Amino acid sequence: MILGAVAITFLGVLTVLNLILTLAVVRRLREHSDHLSRLLSSPGGVPWASIIGSGERPRPFTATTVDGGELTESSLTDGTIVAFFSPTCSACHEWVPRFAEAAEAVPGRAIAVVVADSPEDGAGHVTSLRAVARVVVEEQDGAVAKAFGVTGYPAMCRMASDGTVATSDNDAVVTLPSLA
């Protein structure tokens, strides 16, 4: 009889403890959910952006396109779209055609940087982009990627008239109407 009362008391205490722990976990999950919602609603939509953000200015750079042209930060006129792709990035294979379509809408104002260990490695992306954008092939941490603070791929931005980034949200870059 005493053993039964002890067992029931023990199970009651264990149930209350379990309930307290469950409520604490639920509260913590709500805090995380609220925090994540605030981060994702930040400008650009992604708190861990892989390129400099809106209002920031790329650092000075000089690069040569695959066609022999020179690119510098002064090449970044109003409405220019800039994208960084890597042949080792699986998401880039989806984004290259989307960027190419957007580049067609802004003739002369599209720059694509293919980050590859060698020109041969990036040849597929270069072929897809060369007709619609000025294309640069550079190694990891090349001059243009450093200027834009690129940390992941694909990374895109659209430039504003004052030389700063207007948006660094990939979806916005490929869907904004032509500024022509």
C-alpha atoms as a PDB file:
ATOM      1  CA  MET A   1       0.000   0.000   0.000  1.00  0.00           C
ATOM      2  CA  ILE A   2       2.788   2.457   0.887  1.00  0.00           C
ATOM      3  CA  LEU A   3       4.704   1.291  -2.162  1.00  0.00           C
ATOM      4  CA  GLY A   4       1.675   2.141  -4.358  1.00  0.00           C
ATOM      5  CA  ALA A   5       1.371   5.625  -2.836  1.00  0.00           C
ATOM      6  CA  VAL A   6       5.110   6.269  -3.421  1.00  0.00           C
ATOM      7  CA  ALA A   7       4.815   5.090  -7.029  1.00  0.00           C
ATOM      8  CA  ILE A   8       1.791   7.334  -7.668  1.00  0.00           C
ATOM      9  CA  THR A   9       3.530  10.325  -6.052  1.00  0.00           C
ATOM     10  CA  PHE A  10       6.685   9.655  -8.096  1.00  0.00           C
ATOM     11  CA  LEU A  11       4.697   9.448 -11.342  1.00  0.00           C
ATOM     12  CA  GLY A  12       2.813  12.650 -10.448  1.00  0.00           C
ATOM     13  CA  VAL A  13       6.068  14.539  -9.815  1.00  0.00           C
ATOM     14  CA  LEU A  14       7.568  13.119 -13.018  1.00  0.00           C
ATOM     15  CA  THR A  15       4.495  14.211 -15.017  1.00  0.00           C
ATOM     16  CA  VAL A  16       4.630  17.764 -13.608  1.00  0.00           C
ATOM     17  CA  LEU A  17       8.377  17.976 -14.366  1.00  0.00           C
ATOM     18  CA  ASN A  18       7.762  16.748 -17.920  1.00  0.00           C
ATOM     19  CA  LEU A  19       5.026  19.369 -18.385  1.00  0.00           C
ATOM     20  CA  ILE A  20       7.319  22.159 -17.137  1.00  0.00           C
ATOM     21  CA  LEU A  21      10.126  21.097 -19.485  1.00  0.00           C
ATOM     22  CA  THR A  22       7.730  20.839 -22.438  1.00  0.00           C
ATOM     23  CA  LEU A  23       6.392  24.346 -21.807  1.00  0.00           C
ATOM     24  CA  ALA A  24       9.953  25.684 -21.579  1.00  0.00           C
ATOM     25  CA  VAL A  25      10.822  24.097 -24.942  1.00  0.00           C
ATOM     26  CA  VAL A  26       7.678  25.527 -26.560  1.00  0.00           C
ATOM     27  CA  ARG A  27       8.520  29.007 -25.227  1.00  0.00           C
ATOM     28  CA  ARG A  28      12.079  28.736 -26.568  1.00  0.00           C
ATOM     29  CA  LEU A  29      10.835  27.610 -29.990  1.00  0.00           C
ATOM     30  CA  ARG A  30       8.509  30.615 -30.137  1.00  0.00           C
ATOM     31  CA  GLU A  31      11.426  32.927 -29.325  1.00  0.00           C
ATOM     32  CA  HIS A  32      13.494  31.342 -32.103  1.00  0.00           C
ATOM     33  CA  SER A  33      10.586  31.606 -34.534  1.00  0.00           C
ATOM     34  CA  ASP A  34      10.107  35.313 -33.723  1.00  0.00           C
ATOM     35  CA  HIS A  35      13.841  35.943 -34.060  1.00  0.00           C
ATOM     36  CA  LEU A  36      13.984  34.154 -37.425  1.00  0.00           C
ATOM     37  CA  SER A  37      10.968  36.106 -38.681  1.00  0.00           C
ATOM     38  CA  ARG A  38      12.639  39.408 -37.762  1.00  0.00           C
ATOM     39  CA  LEU A  39      15.857  38.377 -39.529  1.00  0.00           C
ATOM     40  CA  LEU A  40      14.098  37.269 -42.694  1.00  0.00           C
ATOM     41  CA  SER A  41      12.084  40.483 -42.881  1.00  0.00           C
ATOM     42  CA  SER A  42      15.274  42.558 -42.838  1.00  0.00           C
ATOM     43  CA  PRO A  43      16.165  44.515 -46.017  1.00  0.00           C
ATOM     44  CA  GLY A  44      17.275  42.102 -48.688  1.00  0.00           C
ATOM     45  CA  GLY A  45      15.359  39.297 -47.008  1.00  0.00           C
ATOM     46  CA  VAL A  46      18.402  37.287 -46.077  1.00  0.00           C
ATOM     47  CA  PRO A  47      20.434  38.077 -42.972  1.00  0.00           C
ATOM     48  CA  TRP A  48      23.340  35.956 -44.156  1.00  0.00           C
ATOM     49  CA  ALA A  49      23.615  37.652 -47.547  1.00  0.00           C
ATOM     50  CA  SER A  50      26.439  36.490 -49.773  1.00  0.00           C
ATOM     51  CA  ILE A  51      27.119  39.936 -51.254  1.00  0.00           C
ATOM     52  CA  ILE A  52      27.224  43.512 -49.953  1.00  0.00           C
ATOM     53  CA  GLY A  53      23.817  44.898 -49.055  1.00  0.00           C
ATOM     54  CA  SER A  54      21.591  47.732 -50.153  1.00  0.00           C
ATOM     55  CA  GLY A  55      23.179  51.145 -49.732  1.00  0.00           C
ATOM     56  CA  GLU A  56      26.720  49.779 -49.703  1.00  0.00           C
ATOM     57  CA  ARG A  57      29.296  50.695 -52.316  1.00  0.00           C
ATOM     58  CA  PRO A  58      31.648  48.098 -53.847  1.00  0.00           C
ATOM     59  CA  ARG A  59      35.343  48.689 -53.346  1.00  0.00           C
ATOM     60  CA  PRO A  60      37.454  49.846 -56.305  1.00  0.00           C
ATOM     61  CA  PHE A  61      38.408  47.063 -58.730  1.00  0.00           C
ATOM     62  CA  THR A  62      39.762  46.435 -62.204  1.00  0.00           C
ATOM     63  CA  ALA A  63      39.016  43.309 -64.226  1.00  0.00           C
ATOM     64  CA  THR A  64      39.212  42.143 -67.820  1.00  0.00           C
ATOM     65  CA  THR A  65      36.228  40.567 -69.541  1.00  0.00           C
ATOM     66  CA  VAL A  66      36.507  37.402 -71.614  1.00  0.00           C
ATOM     67  CA  ASP A  67      36.152  39.657 -74.675  1.00  0.00           C
ATOM     68  CA  GLY A  68      39.133  41.796 -73.607  1.00  0.00           C
ATOM     69  CA  GLY A  69      37.182  44.780 -72.254  1.00  0.00           C
ATOM     70  CA  GLU A  70      38.085  46.496 -69.001  1.00  0.00           C
ATOM     71  CA  LEU A  71      35.690  46.723 -66.078  1.00  0.00           C
ATOM     72  CA  THR A  72      36.060  49.035 -63.106  1.00  0.00           C
ATOM     73  CA  GLU A  73      33.718  50.303 -60.428  1.00  0.00           C
ATOM     74  CA  SER A  74      32.880  53.191 -62.792  1.00  0.00           C
ATOM     75  CA  SER A  75      31.295  50.571 -65.115  1.00  0.00           C
ATOM     76  CA  LEU A  76      28.503  50.177 -62.549  1.00  0.00           C
ATOM     77  CA  THR A  77      25.945  52.605 -63.932  1.00  0.00           C
ATOM     78  CA  ASP A  78      22.362  53.001 -62.756  1.00  0.00           C
ATOM     79  CA  GLY A  79      20.425  49.765 -63.202  1.00  0.00           C
ATOM     80  CA  THR A  80      23.467  47.598 -63.891  1.00  0.00           C
ATOM     81  CA  ILE A  81      22.893  44.064 -62.694  1.00  0.00           C
ATOM     82  CA  VAL A  82      25.880  42.120 -61.410  1.00  0.00           C
ATOM     83  CA  ALA A  83      25.943  38.385 -60.725  1.00  0.00           C
ATOM     84  CA  PHE A  84      28.491  35.918 -59.392  1.00  0.00           C
ATOM     85  CA  PHE A  85      28.298  32.253 -60.337  1.00  0.00           C
ATOM     86  CA  SER A  86      30.453  29.210 -59.728  1.00  0.00           C
ATOM     87  CA  PRO A  87      30.443  26.031 -61.828  1.00  0.00           C
ATOM     88  CA  THR A  88      30.622  23.999 -58.592  1.00  0.00           C
ATOM     89  CA  CYS A  89      27.408  25.599 -57.246  1.00  0.00           C
ATOM     90  CA  SER A  90      24.336  23.476 -57.959  1.00  0.00           C
ATOM     91  CA  ALA A  91      21.939  26.417 -57.442  1.00  0.00           C
ATOM     92  CA  CYS A  92      23.868  28.462 -60.009  1.00  0.00           C
ATOM     93  CA  HIS A  93      22.748  26.126 -62.802  1.00  0.00           C
ATOM     94  CA  GLU A  94      19.158  27.240 -62.095  1.00  0.00           C
ATOM     95  CA  TRP A  95      20.027  30.939 -61.714  1.00  0.00           C
ATOM     96  CA  VAL A  96      22.222  31.421 -64.810  1.00  0.00           C
ATOM     97  CA  PRO A  97      19.266  31.265 -67.267  1.00  0.00           C
ATOM     98  CA  ARG A  98      17.171  33.523 -65.025  1.00  0.00           C
ATOM     99  CA  PHE A  99      19.980  36.074 -64.876  1.00  0.00           C
ATOM    100  CA  ALA A 100      20.524  35.814 -68.650  1.00  0.00           C
ATOM    101  CA  GLU A 101      16.853  36.604 -69.241  1.00  0.00           C
ATOM    102  CA  ALA A 102      17.058  39.624 -66.909  1.00  0.00           C
ATOM    103  CA  ALA A 103      20.279  40.742 -68.631  1.00  0.00           C
ATOM    104  CA  GLU A 104      18.489  40.791 -71.984  1.00  0.00           C
ATOM    105  CA  ALA A 105      16.066  43.351 -70.503  1.00  0.00           C
ATOM    106  CA  VAL A 106      18.925  45.729 -69.619  1.00  0.00           C
ATOM    107  CA  PRO A 107      21.200  45.696 -72.693  1.00  0.00           C
ATOM    108  CA  GLY A 108      24.749  46.789 -71.920  1.00  0.00           C
ATOM    109  CA  ARG A 109      24.080  46.910 -68.193  1.00  0.00           C
ATOM    110  CA  ALA A 110      24.766  43.333 -67.097  1.00  0.00           C
ATOM    111  CA  ILE A 111      27.978  41.961 -65.631  1.00  0.00           C
ATOM    112  CA  ALA A 112      28.470  38.281 -64.854  1.00  0.00           C
ATOM    113  CA  VAL A 113      31.443  37.014 -62.881  1.00  0.00           C
ATOM    114  CA  VAL A 114      32.188  33.320 -63.181  1.00  0.00           C
ATOM    115  CA  VAL A 115      34.336  32.191 -60.283  1.00  0.00           C
ATOM    116  CA  ALA A 116      36.308  29.156 -61.421  1.00  0.00           C
ATOM    117  CA  ASP A 117      39.729  27.636 -60.915  1.00  0.00           C
ATOM    118  CA  SER A 118      40.357  27.836 -64.656  1.00  0.00           C
ATOM    119  CA  PRO A 119      38.614  29.272 -67.725  1.00  0.00           C
ATOM    120  CA  GLU A 120      37.811  25.721 -68.837  1.00  0.00           C
ATOM    121  CA  ASP A 121      35.943  25.040 -65.578  1.00  0.00           C
ATOM    122  CA  GLY A 122      33.701  28.060 -66.122  1.00  0.00           C
ATOM    123  CA  ALA A 123      33.232  27.598 -69.877  1.00  0.00           C
ATOM    124  CA  GLY A 124      29.611  26.413 -69.598  1.00  0.00           C
ATOM    125  CA  HIS A 125      28.496  29.493 -67.676  1.00  0.00           C
ATOM    126  CA  VAL A 126      30.549  31.787 -69.923  1.00  0.00           C
ATOM    127  CA  THR A 127      28.857  30.353 -73.016  1.00  0.00           C
ATOM    128  CA  SER A 128      25.406  30.897 -71.476  1.00  0.00           C
ATOM    129  CA  LEU A 129      26.122  34.487 -70.416  1.00  0.00           C
ATOM    130  CA  ARG A 130      28.492  35.939 -73.006  1.00  0.00           C
ATOM    131  CA  ALA A 131      25.769  37.056 -75.433  1.00  0.00           C
ATOM    132  CA  VAL A 132      23.853  39.088 -72.812  1.00  0.00           C
ATOM    133  CA  ALA A 133      26.464  40.282 -70.298  1.00  0.00           C
ATOM    134  CA  ARG A 134      30.033  41.412 -69.929  1.00  0.00           C
ATOM    135  CA  VAL A 135      31.625  38.288 -68.461  1.00  0.00           C
ATOM    136  CA  VAL A 136      34.657  38.064 -66.206  1.00  0.00           C
ATOM    137  CA  VAL A 137      36.251  34.773 -65.210  1.00  0.00           C
ATOM    138  CA  GLU A 138      38.267  34.938 -62.010  1.00  0.00           C
ATOM    139  CA  GLU A 139      39.503  32.620 -59.295  1.00  0.00           C
ATOM    140  CA  GLN A 140      38.089  32.512 -55.776  1.00  0.00           C
ATOM    141  CA  ASP A 141      38.682  35.875 -54.045  1.00  0.00           C
ATOM    142  CA  GLY A 142      39.265  37.623 -57.362  1.00  0.00           C
ATOM    143  CA  ALA A 143      39.201  41.413 -57.648  1.00  0.00           C
ATOM    144  CA  VAL A 144      35.500  41.772 -58.461  1.00  0.00           C
ATOM    145  CA  ALA A 145      34.338  39.223 -55.882  1.00  0.00           C
ATOM    146  CA  LYS A 146      36.407  40.976 -53.208  1.00  0.00           C
ATOM    147  CA  ALA A 147      35.022  44.368 -54.236  1.00  0.00           C
ATOM    148  CA  PHE A 148      31.474  43.083 -53.713  1.00  0.00           C
ATOM    149  CA  GLY A 149      32.250  41.079 -50.563  1.00  0.00           C
ATOM    150  CA  VAL A 150      31.018  37.833 -52.145  1.00  0.00           C
ATOM    151  CA  THR A 151      30.898  34.906 -49.732  1.00  0.00           C
ATOM    152  CA  GLY A 152      28.605  32.473 -51.581  1.00  0.00           C
ATOM    153  CA  TYR A 153      26.973  31.700 -54.908  1.00  0.00           C
ATOM    154  CA  PRO A 154      24.856  32.668 -56.668  1.00  0.00           C
ATOM    155  CA  ALA A 155      25.092  36.268 -55.532  1.00  0.00           C
ATOM    156  CA  MET A 156      23.472  39.163 -57.391  1.00  0.00           C
ATOM    157  CA  CYS A 157      22.803  42.848 -57.050  1.00  0.00           C
ATOM    158  CA  ARG A 158      21.365  45.782 -58.966  1.00  0.00           C
ATOM    159  CA  MET A 159      23.189  49.093 -58.807  1.00  0.00           C
ATOM    160  CA  ALA A 160      21.659  52.482 -58.004  1.00  0.00           C
ATOM    161  CA  SER A 161      22.497  55.784 -59.706  1.00  0.00           C
ATOM    162  CA  ASP A 162      24.786  56.843 -56.830  1.00  0.00           C
ATOM    163  CA  GLY A 163      27.091  53.818 -57.245  1.00  0.00           C
ATOM    164  CA  THR A 164      25.648  51.902 -54.307  1.00  0.00           C
ATOM    165  CA  VAL A 165      23.743  48.640 -54.334  1.00  0.00           C
ATOM    166  CA  ALA A 166      20.003  49.182 -54.829  1.00  0.00           C
ATOM    167  CA  THR A 167      19.121  45.574 -53.999  1.00  0.00           C
ATOM    168  CA  SER A 168      21.062  42.407 -53.307  1.00  0.00           C
ATOM    169  CA  ASP A 169      18.093  40.065 -53.293  1.00  0.00           C
ATOM    170  CA  ASN A 170      18.534  37.577 -56.161  1.00  0.00           C
ATOM    171  CA  ASP A 171      14.799  37.351 -56.887  1.00  0.00           C
ATOM    172  CA  ALA A 172      14.454  41.138 -57.003  1.00  0.00           C
ATOM    173  CA  VAL A 173      17.458  41.465 -59.317  1.00  0.00           C
ATOM    174  CA  VAL A 174      16.021  39.109 -61.923  1.00  0.00           C
ATOM    175  CA  THR A 175      12.411  40.320 -61.664  1.00  0.00           C
ATOM    176  CA  LEU A 176      12.662  44.110 -61.452  1.00  0.00           C
ATOM    177  CA  PRO A 177      11.406  45.787 -64.617  1.00  0.00           C
ATOM    178  CA  SER A 178      13.908  47.131 -67.081  1.00  0.00           C
ATOM    179  CA  LEU A 179      15.240  50.578 -66.291  1.00  0.00           C
ATOM    180  CA  ALA A 180      15.974  51.250 -69.959  1.00  0.00           C
END
